[in-house]
Amino acid sequence: MDHLEKLSNKAVEVNNVTLDGDMLQLAAKFLDMDKDDEDSAQVKGFIRKLKGIYVKNFEFDEPNQYSVADVEEIRAQLAAPGWNKIVESRDKRNAENNEIYVMKDASNNIAGVAILVAEPKELSVVNIVGPVDLDKLSSLTGKFGIPGDKKDKDKEKERPKKKASAENSDDKG
């Protein structure tokens, strides 16, 4: 992912997260502080076995500030033996591409996950190194620099408003 550093000069916002195994264990200690928080316990259990979490995120003022070649270079790295693309989502209306890759070890266990999100004004790459339980992966969304699904967050924000307006209409009738 080092080849993406050249995009830093074009981006209005750059986020780099580099958490090796030692740093992840340190982060897990902070999660111990809130023993009553179920999410913290889940995240701690997930990261305990990981060797690293690496995130590169670039946001731009204008579309097309990164090239197709930049994205293809990432895909070429993920075409290496052991990597398999398990999700590909393309939205032509919004020019968005989302891809998820998994690395399997000799025992066919997931040994890593890579996520590539390419939008007109944003490019994000997440690499999670170590044994990964895909069911628990969502517990990391929004933590350690791992982006969450903005559409889901927007839907969550709308739900209370709809419920509140429905309650108000019940009071009137």
N, C-alpha and C. Protein backbone atom coordinates (compact mmCIF):
# COMPACT_ATOMS: atom_id res chain seq x y z
N MET A 1 0.82 -1.20 0.00
CA MET A 1 0.00 0.00 0.00
C MET A 1 0.86 1.26 0.00
N ASP A 2 2.15 1.10 0.08
CA ASP A 2 3.03 2.28 0.12
C ASP A 2 2.90 3.15 -1.13
N HIS A 3 2.56 2.53 -2.26
CA HIS A 3 2.43 3.30 -3.50
C HIS A 3 1.33 4.36 -3.42
N LEU A 4 0.43 4.23 -2.45
CA LEU A 4 -0.66 5.19 -2.30
C LEU A 4 -0.22 6.49 -1.62
N GLU A 5 0.96 6.50 -1.04
CA GLU A 5 1.42 7.70 -0.34
C GLU A 5 1.43 8.94 -1.23
N LYS A 6 1.63 8.74 -2.53
CA LYS A 6 1.64 9.89 -3.45
C LYS A 6 0.29 10.61 -3.47
N LEU A 7 -0.78 9.94 -3.05
CA LEU A 7 -2.10 10.55 -3.04
C LEU A 7 -2.27 11.54 -1.88
N SER A 8 -1.39 11.46 -0.91
CA SER A 8 -1.48 12.34 0.26
C SER A 8 -1.46 13.82 -0.13
N ASN A 9 -0.69 14.16 -1.16
CA ASN A 9 -0.61 15.56 -1.58
C ASN A 9 -1.90 16.06 -2.23
N LYS A 10 -2.66 15.16 -2.82
CA LYS A 10 -3.90 15.54 -3.49
C LYS A 10 -5.11 15.54 -2.55
N ALA A 11 -5.01 14.76 -1.50
CA ALA A 11 -6.15 14.56 -0.59
C ALA A 11 -6.30 15.73 0.37
N VAL A 12 -7.56 16.05 0.69
CA VAL A 12 -7.82 17.08 1.70
C VAL A 12 -7.80 16.47 3.10
N GLU A 13 -8.01 15.19 3.17
CA GLU A 13 -7.94 14.48 4.45
C GLU A 13 -7.29 13.13 4.22
N VAL A 14 -6.32 12.80 5.06
CA VAL A 14 -5.62 11.52 4.98
C VAL A 14 -5.66 10.88 6.35
N ASN A 15 -6.05 9.62 6.39
CA ASN A 15 -6.06 8.86 7.63
C ASN A 15 -5.24 7.60 7.43
N ASN A 16 -4.21 7.45 8.25
CA ASN A 16 -3.37 6.25 8.24
C ASN A 16 -3.44 5.63 9.62
N VAL A 17 -3.78 4.37 9.67
CA VAL A 17 -3.80 3.65 10.93
C VAL A 17 -2.86 2.47 10.78
N THR A 18 -1.90 2.37 11.68
CA THR A 18 -0.95 1.27 11.67
C THR A 18 -0.91 0.69 13.07
N LEU A 19 -1.56 -0.42 13.25
CA LEU A 19 -1.59 -1.10 14.54
C LEU A 19 -1.01 -2.49 14.39
N ASP A 20 0.24 -2.66 14.84
CA ASP A 20 0.83 -3.99 14.80
C ASP A 20 0.33 -4.76 16.03
N GLY A 21 0.78 -5.98 16.19
CA GLY A 21 0.31 -6.83 17.28
C GLY A 21 0.46 -6.19 18.65
N ASP A 22 1.63 -5.57 18.92
CA ASP A 22 1.87 -4.94 20.22
C ASP A 22 0.90 -3.79 20.47
N MET A 23 0.67 -2.99 19.44
CA MET A 23 -0.25 -1.85 19.59
C MET A 23 -1.69 -2.34 19.79
N LEU A 24 -2.05 -3.42 19.12
CA LEU A 24 -3.40 -3.97 19.31
C LEU A 24 -3.59 -4.46 20.74
N GLN A 25 -2.56 -5.08 21.30
CA GLN A 25 -2.67 -5.55 22.68
C GLN A 25 -2.80 -4.37 23.64
N LEU A 26 -2.09 -3.28 23.34
CA LEU A 26 -2.22 -2.07 24.16
C LEU A 26 -3.65 -1.53 24.06
N ALA A 27 -4.20 -1.51 22.85
CA ALA A 27 -5.59 -1.05 22.65
C ALA A 27 -6.56 -1.94 23.42
N ALA A 28 -6.28 -3.24 23.44
CA ALA A 28 -7.16 -4.17 24.17
C ALA A 28 -7.19 -3.85 25.65
N LYS A 29 -6.07 -3.36 26.20
CA LYS A 29 -6.04 -2.99 27.61
C LYS A 29 -7.00 -1.83 27.89
N PHE A 30 -7.08 -0.90 26.96
CA PHE A 30 -8.02 0.21 27.14
C PHE A 30 -9.46 -0.28 27.11
N LEU A 31 -9.71 -1.33 26.34
CA LEU A 31 -11.07 -1.88 26.29
C LEU A 31 -11.45 -2.54 27.60
N ASP A 32 -10.44 -2.93 28.41
CA ASP A 32 -10.71 -3.52 29.72
C ASP A 32 -11.31 -2.52 30.68
N MET A 33 -11.13 -1.23 30.40
CA MET A 33 -11.58 -0.19 31.32
C MET A 33 -13.10 -0.21 31.51
N ASP A 34 -13.83 -0.59 30.48
CA ASP A 34 -15.29 -0.62 30.57
C ASP A 34 -15.74 -2.08 30.50
N LYS A 35 -15.61 -2.77 31.61
CA LYS A 35 -15.91 -4.20 31.67
C LYS A 35 -17.40 -4.50 31.46
N ASP A 36 -18.26 -3.50 31.68
CA ASP A 36 -19.70 -3.70 31.52
C ASP A 36 -20.16 -3.55 30.07
N ASP A 37 -19.28 -3.02 29.23
CA ASP A 37 -19.63 -2.77 27.83
C ASP A 37 -19.43 -4.05 27.02
N GLU A 38 -20.54 -4.60 26.54
CA GLU A 38 -20.50 -5.86 25.79
C GLU A 38 -19.72 -5.70 24.48
N ASP A 39 -19.86 -4.54 23.81
CA ASP A 39 -19.13 -4.29 22.57
C ASP A 39 -17.63 -4.32 22.81
N SER A 40 -17.18 -3.72 23.89
CA SER A 40 -15.74 -3.70 24.21
C SER A 40 -15.22 -5.12 24.40
N ALA A 41 -15.98 -5.95 25.07
CA ALA A 41 -15.57 -7.34 25.28
C ALA A 41 -15.47 -8.09 23.96
N GLN A 42 -16.42 -7.86 23.05
CA GLN A 42 -16.39 -8.51 21.75
C GLN A 42 -15.19 -8.06 20.94
N VAL A 43 -14.94 -6.76 20.93
CA VAL A 43 -13.82 -6.22 20.18
C VAL A 43 -12.50 -6.76 20.74
N LYS A 44 -12.38 -6.78 22.05
CA LYS A 44 -11.17 -7.28 22.68
C LYS A 44 -10.93 -8.74 22.30
N GLY A 45 -11.96 -9.56 22.34
CA GLY A 45 -11.83 -10.96 21.95
C GLY A 45 -11.40 -11.12 20.50
N PHE A 46 -11.90 -10.23 19.66
CA PHE A 46 -11.56 -10.29 18.24
C PHE A 46 -10.11 -9.90 17.99
N ILE A 47 -9.67 -8.79 18.61
CA ILE A 47 -8.33 -8.28 18.30
C ILE A 47 -7.22 -9.05 19.01
N ARG A 48 -7.56 -9.80 20.01
CA ARG A 48 -6.55 -10.54 20.78
C ARG A 48 -5.68 -11.42 19.87
N LYS A 49 -6.26 -11.99 18.85
CA LYS A 49 -5.54 -12.93 17.99
C LYS A 49 -4.92 -12.27 16.75
N LEU A 50 -5.23 -11.02 16.52
CA LEU A 50 -4.76 -10.36 15.30
C LEU A 50 -3.28 -9.97 15.38
N LYS A 51 -2.65 -9.92 14.22
CA LYS A 51 -1.25 -9.50 14.12
C LYS A 51 -1.15 -8.03 13.70
N GLY A 52 -2.22 -7.50 13.11
CA GLY A 52 -2.18 -6.09 12.72
C GLY A 52 -3.45 -5.63 12.04
N ILE A 53 -3.70 -4.33 12.14
CA ILE A 53 -4.77 -3.66 11.40
C ILE A 53 -4.13 -2.44 10.75
N TYR A 54 -4.28 -2.35 9.45
CA TYR A 54 -3.67 -1.26 8.68
C TYR A 54 -4.74 -0.62 7.81
N VAL A 55 -4.88 0.69 7.93
CA VAL A 55 -5.91 1.41 7.19
C VAL A 55 -5.27 2.60 6.50
N LYS A 56 -5.63 2.79 5.23
CA LYS A 56 -5.27 4.00 4.49
C LYS A 56 -6.57 4.56 3.93
N ASN A 57 -6.82 5.83 4.22
CA ASN A 57 -8.04 6.48 3.75
C ASN A 57 -7.69 7.86 3.23
N PHE A 58 -8.14 8.14 2.01
CA PHE A 58 -7.89 9.43 1.37
C PHE A 58 -9.23 10.03 0.97
N GLU A 59 -9.46 11.29 1.37
CA GLU A 59 -10.66 12.00 0.94
C GLU A 59 -10.23 13.21 0.12
N PHE A 60 -10.96 13.45 -0.97
CA PHE A 60 -10.61 14.49 -1.92
C PHE A 60 -11.74 15.50 -2.08
N ASP A 61 -11.38 16.73 -2.46
CA ASP A 61 -12.40 17.75 -2.75
C ASP A 61 -13.11 17.49 -4.07
N GLU A 62 -12.36 16.95 -5.03
CA GLU A 62 -12.89 16.73 -6.37
C GLU A 62 -12.82 15.24 -6.72
N PRO A 63 -13.71 14.78 -7.59
CA PRO A 63 -13.63 13.39 -8.05
C PRO A 63 -12.38 13.15 -8.91
N ASN A 64 -12.02 11.89 -9.04
CA ASN A 64 -10.95 11.43 -9.93
C ASN A 64 -9.57 11.98 -9.58
N GLN A 65 -9.29 12.14 -8.30
CA GLN A 65 -7.97 12.58 -7.88
C GLN A 65 -7.00 11.41 -7.74
N TYR A 66 -7.51 10.21 -7.79
CA TYR A 66 -6.67 9.02 -7.86
C TYR A 66 -7.02 8.32 -9.17
N SER A 67 -6.09 7.49 -9.64
CA SER A 67 -6.28 6.88 -10.96
C SER A 67 -6.78 5.44 -10.85
N VAL A 68 -7.26 4.94 -11.96
CA VAL A 68 -7.64 3.54 -12.05
C VAL A 68 -6.41 2.68 -11.80
N ALA A 69 -5.25 3.15 -12.24
CA ALA A 69 -4.00 2.42 -12.03
C ALA A 69 -3.69 2.26 -10.55
N ASP A 70 -4.01 3.28 -9.74
CA ASP A 70 -3.80 3.17 -8.29
C ASP A 70 -4.62 2.03 -7.71
N VAL A 71 -5.86 1.94 -8.13
CA VAL A 71 -6.75 0.89 -7.64
C VAL A 71 -6.31 -0.47 -8.19
N GLU A 72 -5.91 -0.50 -9.45
CA GLU A 72 -5.47 -1.76 -10.04
C GLU A 72 -4.22 -2.31 -9.37
N GLU A 73 -3.35 -1.43 -8.89
CA GLU A 73 -2.15 -1.87 -8.18
C GLU A 73 -2.52 -2.57 -6.88
N ILE A 74 -3.54 -2.07 -6.21
CA ILE A 74 -4.02 -2.72 -5.00
C ILE A 74 -4.62 -4.09 -5.35
N ARG A 75 -5.44 -4.11 -6.38
CA ARG A 75 -6.05 -5.37 -6.81
C ARG A 75 -4.99 -6.39 -7.21
N ALA A 76 -3.91 -5.93 -7.84
CA ALA A 76 -2.83 -6.84 -8.24
C ALA A 76 -2.19 -7.50 -7.01
N GLN A 77 -2.02 -6.72 -5.94
CA GLN A 77 -1.47 -7.28 -4.71
C GLN A 77 -2.43 -8.33 -4.13
N LEU A 78 -3.72 -8.08 -4.29
CA LEU A 78 -4.73 -8.99 -3.74
C LEU A 78 -5.02 -10.17 -4.68
N ALA A 79 -4.35 -10.20 -5.82
CA ALA A 79 -4.46 -11.34 -6.74
C ALA A 79 -3.39 -12.38 -6.44
N ALA A 80 -2.57 -12.12 -5.44
CA ALA A 80 -1.50 -13.05 -5.05
C ALA A 80 -2.10 -14.36 -4.56
N PRO A 81 -1.33 -15.45 -4.64
CA PRO A 81 -1.84 -16.75 -4.16
C PRO A 81 -2.32 -16.66 -2.71
N GLY A 82 -3.45 -17.30 -2.46
CA GLY A 82 -4.04 -17.34 -1.13
C GLY A 82 -5.17 -16.34 -0.93
N TRP A 83 -5.16 -15.23 -1.69
CA TRP A 83 -6.23 -14.24 -1.58
C TRP A 83 -7.40 -14.62 -2.48
N ASN A 84 -8.61 -14.46 -1.97
CA ASN A 84 -9.82 -14.71 -2.73
C ASN A 84 -10.80 -13.56 -2.53
N LYS A 85 -11.34 -13.06 -3.64
CA LYS A 85 -12.37 -12.03 -3.53
C LYS A 85 -13.68 -12.71 -3.18
N ILE A 86 -14.30 -12.23 -2.09
CA ILE A 86 -15.56 -12.85 -1.66
C ILE A 86 -16.75 -11.92 -1.84
N VAL A 87 -16.48 -10.62 -1.97
CA VAL A 87 -17.56 -9.65 -2.18
C VAL A 87 -17.09 -8.62 -3.20
N GLU A 88 -17.97 -8.33 -4.14
CA GLU A 88 -17.73 -7.24 -5.08
C GLU A 88 -19.05 -6.53 -5.30
N SER A 89 -19.06 -5.26 -5.01
CA SER A 89 -20.27 -4.47 -5.17
C SER A 89 -19.92 -3.23 -5.98
N ARG A 90 -20.61 -3.07 -7.10
CA ARG A 90 -20.36 -1.92 -7.98
C ARG A 90 -21.66 -1.15 -8.16
N ASP A 91 -21.57 0.15 -7.95
CA ASP A 91 -22.72 1.02 -8.11
C ASP A 91 -22.35 2.04 -9.19
N LYS A 92 -22.82 1.82 -10.40
CA LYS A 92 -22.47 2.71 -11.52
C LYS A 92 -23.07 4.10 -11.35
N ARG A 93 -24.26 4.19 -10.76
CA ARG A 93 -24.88 5.51 -10.57
C ARG A 93 -24.01 6.44 -9.73
N ASN A 94 -23.41 5.89 -8.70
CA ASN A 94 -22.58 6.69 -7.79
C ASN A 94 -21.09 6.46 -7.98
N ALA A 95 -20.72 5.63 -8.96
CA ALA A 95 -19.32 5.32 -9.26
C ALA A 95 -18.60 4.79 -8.02
N GLU A 96 -19.23 3.87 -7.31
CA GLU A 96 -18.66 3.29 -6.10
C GLU A 96 -18.36 1.82 -6.33
N ASN A 97 -17.19 1.40 -5.83
CA ASN A 97 -16.78 0.00 -5.90
C ASN A 97 -16.34 -0.44 -4.51
N ASN A 98 -16.89 -1.55 -4.05
CA ASN A 98 -16.52 -2.13 -2.76
C ASN A 98 -16.13 -3.58 -2.98
N GLU A 99 -14.98 -3.95 -2.43
CA GLU A 99 -14.49 -5.31 -2.60
C GLU A 99 -13.95 -5.81 -1.27
N ILE A 100 -14.22 -7.08 -0.99
CA ILE A 100 -13.68 -7.72 0.21
C ILE A 100 -12.95 -8.98 -0.23
N TYR A 101 -11.74 -9.12 0.28
CA TYR A 101 -10.89 -10.27 -0.03
C TYR A 101 -10.54 -10.98 1.27
N VAL A 102 -10.37 -12.30 1.20
CA VAL A 102 -9.89 -13.05 2.35
C VAL A 102 -8.64 -13.83 1.95
N MET A 103 -7.75 -13.96 2.91
CA MET A 103 -6.55 -14.79 2.76
C MET A 103 -6.77 -16.04 3.59
N LYS A 104 -6.56 -17.19 2.97
CA LYS A 104 -6.73 -18.44 3.71
C LYS A 104 -5.37 -19.08 3.94
N ASP A 105 -5.23 -19.73 5.10
CA ASP A 105 -3.99 -20.41 5.42
C ASP A 105 -4.06 -21.86 4.92
N ALA A 106 -3.03 -22.64 5.21
CA ALA A 106 -2.96 -24.02 4.73
C ALA A 106 -4.09 -24.89 5.27
N SER A 107 -4.64 -24.53 6.42
CA SER A 107 -5.75 -25.28 7.01
C SER A 107 -7.11 -24.76 6.57
N ASN A 108 -7.11 -23.83 5.59
CA ASN A 108 -8.32 -23.24 5.04
C ASN A 108 -9.03 -22.31 6.02
N ASN A 109 -8.31 -21.82 7.03
CA ASN A 109 -8.85 -20.83 7.95
C ASN A 109 -8.54 -19.45 7.41
N ILE A 110 -9.38 -18.48 7.73
CA ILE A 110 -9.14 -17.12 7.27
C ILE A 110 -7.99 -16.51 8.08
N ALA A 111 -6.95 -16.11 7.37
CA ALA A 111 -5.74 -15.57 8.00
C ALA A 111 -5.60 -14.07 7.77
N GLY A 112 -6.56 -13.48 7.07
CA GLY A 112 -6.51 -12.05 6.83
C GLY A 112 -7.68 -11.61 5.97
N VAL A 113 -7.98 -10.32 6.08
CA VAL A 113 -9.07 -9.73 5.29
C VAL A 113 -8.58 -8.39 4.75
N ALA A 114 -8.91 -8.13 3.50
CA ALA A 114 -8.62 -6.82 2.90
C ALA A 114 -9.92 -6.25 2.36
N ILE A 115 -10.11 -4.96 2.58
CA ILE A 115 -11.31 -4.27 2.11
C ILE A 115 -10.86 -3.09 1.28
N LEU A 116 -11.42 -2.99 0.09
CA LEU A 116 -11.10 -1.90 -0.83
C LEU A 116 -12.40 -1.15 -1.13
N VAL A 117 -12.42 0.15 -0.85
CA VAL A 117 -13.59 0.98 -1.13
C VAL A 117 -13.12 2.15 -1.98
N ALA A 118 -13.65 2.21 -3.20
CA ALA A 118 -13.28 3.27 -4.14
C ALA A 118 -14.53 4.05 -4.52
N GLU A 119 -14.54 5.32 -4.13
CA GLU A 119 -15.64 6.24 -4.44
C GLU A 119 -15.03 7.43 -5.18
N PRO A 120 -15.81 8.21 -5.87
CA PRO A 120 -15.25 9.33 -6.63
C PRO A 120 -14.36 10.27 -5.82
N LYS A 121 -14.75 10.53 -4.58
CA LYS A 121 -13.98 11.48 -3.75
C LYS A 121 -13.30 10.82 -2.55
N GLU A 122 -13.24 9.49 -2.54
CA GLU A 122 -12.64 8.80 -1.40
C GLU A 122 -12.10 7.44 -1.82
N LEU A 123 -10.94 7.10 -1.27
CA LEU A 123 -10.34 5.79 -1.50
C LEU A 123 -9.89 5.25 -0.15
N SER A 124 -10.33 4.03 0.19
CA SER A 124 -9.99 3.42 1.47
C SER A 124 -9.53 1.99 1.25
N VAL A 125 -8.47 1.62 1.98
CA VAL A 125 -7.98 0.24 1.97
C VAL A 125 -7.77 -0.17 3.42
N VAL A 126 -8.34 -1.31 3.78
CA VAL A 126 -8.18 -1.86 5.13
C VAL A 126 -7.56 -3.23 4.98
N ASN A 127 -6.52 -3.50 5.77
CA ASN A 127 -5.89 -4.82 5.78
C ASN A 127 -5.84 -5.31 7.22
N ILE A 128 -6.53 -6.40 7.48
CA ILE A 128 -6.56 -7.01 8.80
C ILE A 128 -5.76 -8.31 8.70
N VAL A 129 -4.68 -8.39 9.48
CA VAL A 129 -3.76 -9.52 9.40
C VAL A 129 -3.94 -10.39 10.64
N GLY A 130 -4.18 -11.67 10.41
CA GLY A 130 -4.35 -12.61 11.51
C GLY A 130 -5.65 -13.36 11.35
N PRO A 131 -5.90 -14.31 12.24
CA PRO A 131 -7.13 -15.10 12.14
C PRO A 131 -8.36 -14.23 12.33
N VAL A 132 -9.30 -14.35 11.41
CA VAL A 132 -10.48 -13.49 11.42
C VAL A 132 -11.74 -14.34 11.40
N ASP A 133 -12.63 -14.05 12.34
CA ASP A 133 -13.96 -14.63 12.34
C ASP A 133 -14.86 -13.60 11.66
N LEU A 134 -15.30 -13.90 10.45
CA LEU A 134 -16.09 -12.93 9.68
C LEU A 134 -17.36 -12.51 10.41
N ASP A 135 -17.93 -13.39 11.20
CA ASP A 135 -19.13 -13.03 11.96
C ASP A 135 -18.84 -11.94 12.99
N LYS A 136 -17.62 -11.94 13.52
CA LYS A 136 -17.25 -10.95 14.54
C LYS A 136 -16.60 -9.71 13.94
N LEU A 137 -16.28 -9.76 12.66
CA LEU A 137 -15.60 -8.63 12.03
C LEU A 137 -16.39 -7.34 12.15
N SER A 138 -17.69 -7.42 12.07
CA SER A 138 -18.51 -6.21 12.14
C SER A 138 -18.36 -5.48 13.48
N SER A 139 -17.86 -6.18 14.50
CA SER A 139 -17.66 -5.52 15.79
C SER A 139 -16.56 -4.47 15.72
N LEU A 140 -15.71 -4.51 14.67
CA LEU A 140 -14.65 -3.52 14.53
C LEU A 140 -15.09 -2.30 13.73
N THR A 141 -16.25 -2.35 13.12
CA THR A 141 -16.72 -1.22 12.32
C THR A 141 -16.77 0.03 13.17
N GLY A 142 -16.13 1.06 12.66
CA GLY A 142 -16.09 2.33 13.37
C GLY A 142 -15.01 2.42 14.44
N LYS A 143 -14.21 1.38 14.59
CA LYS A 143 -13.13 1.38 15.57
C LYS A 143 -11.80 1.17 14.85
N PHE A 144 -10.72 1.66 15.42
CA PHE A 144 -9.37 1.49 14.89
C PHE A 144 -9.24 2.02 13.47
N GLY A 145 -10.06 2.98 13.10
CA GLY A 145 -9.98 3.57 11.78
C GLY A 145 -10.70 2.79 10.70
N ILE A 146 -11.36 1.71 11.07
CA ILE A 146 -12.09 0.91 10.09
C ILE A 146 -13.43 1.58 9.83
N PRO A 147 -13.64 1.97 8.56
CA PRO A 147 -14.88 2.70 8.27
C PRO A 147 -16.11 1.81 8.43
N GLY A 148 -17.21 2.46 8.83
CA GLY A 148 -18.49 1.78 8.91
C GLY A 148 -19.28 2.06 7.65
N ASP A 149 -20.42 1.43 7.53
CA ASP A 149 -21.28 1.64 6.38
C ASP A 149 -22.08 2.92 6.61
N LYS A 150 -21.74 3.97 5.87
CA LYS A 150 -22.40 5.27 6.03
C LYS A 150 -23.90 5.17 5.77
N LYS A 151 -24.28 4.32 4.83
CA LYS A 151 -25.70 4.18 4.50
C LYS A 151 -26.47 3.62 5.69
N ASP A 152 -25.88 2.63 6.39
CA ASP A 152 -26.53 2.07 7.57
C ASP A 152 -26.64 3.11 8.67
N LYS A 153 -25.58 3.91 8.87
CA LYS A 153 -25.63 4.95 9.90
C LYS A 153 -26.71 5.98 9.57
N ASP A 154 -26.83 6.34 8.28
CA ASP A 154 -27.87 7.28 7.89
C ASP A 154 -29.25 6.71 8.16
N LYS A 155 -29.43 5.42 7.89
CA LYS A 155 -30.73 4.79 8.14
C LYS A 155 -31.05 4.79 9.62
N GLU A 156 -30.01 4.54 10.47
CA GLU A 156 -30.23 4.54 11.90
C GLU A 156 -30.65 5.92 12.39
N LYS A 157 -30.06 6.96 11.81
CA LYS A 157 -30.41 8.32 12.20
C LYS A 157 -31.85 8.65 11.83
N GLU A 158 -32.33 8.09 10.71
CA GLU A 158 -33.68 8.38 10.24
C GLU A 158 -34.73 7.65 11.07
N ARG A 159 -34.42 6.48 11.58
CA ARG A 159 -35.42 5.67 12.28
C ARG A 159 -36.06 6.39 13.46
N PRO A 160 -35.29 6.98 14.37
CA PRO A 160 -35.95 7.64 15.50
C PRO A 160 -36.85 8.79 15.05
N LYS A 161 -36.45 9.50 14.02
CA LYS A 161 -37.27 10.61 13.53
C LYS A 161 -38.62 10.11 13.04
N LYS A 162 -38.60 9.01 12.29
CA LYS A 162 -39.86 8.46 11.79
C LYS A 162 -40.73 7.99 12.94
N LYS A 163 -40.10 7.34 13.93
CA LYS A 163 -40.85 6.85 15.07
C LYS A 163 -41.45 8.02 15.85
N ALA A 164 -40.65 9.05 16.04
CA ALA A 164 -41.12 10.23 16.77
C ALA A 164 -42.28 10.88 16.04
N SER A 165 -42.19 11.00 14.73
CA SER A 165 -43.27 11.63 13.99
C SER A 165 -44.52 10.75 14.01
N ALA A 166 -44.35 9.44 14.05
CA ALA A 166 -45.49 8.54 14.14
C ALA A 166 -46.17 8.67 15.49
N GLU A 167 -45.33 8.84 16.55
CA GLU A 167 -45.89 9.02 17.89
C GLU A 167 -46.66 10.33 17.97
N ASN A 168 -46.15 11.37 17.34
CA ASN A 168 -46.83 12.67 17.36
C ASN A 168 -48.17 12.59 16.66
N SER A 169 -48.25 11.82 15.57
CA SER A 169 -49.51 11.72 14.85
C SER A 169 -50.53 10.92 15.66
N ASP A 170 -50.03 9.97 16.51
CA ASP A 170 -50.95 9.22 17.37
C ASP A 170 -51.55 10.11 18.44
N ASP A 171 -50.74 11.09 18.92
CA ASP A 171 -51.24 11.99 19.96
C ASP A 171 -52.36 12.88 19.44
N LYS A 172 -52.33 13.18 18.16
CA LYS A 172 -53.31 14.10 17.58
C LYS A 172 -54.64 13.40 17.30
N GLY A 173 -54.62 12.10 17.13
CA GLY A 173 -55.82 11.42 16.67
C GLY A 173 -56.54 10.76 17.72
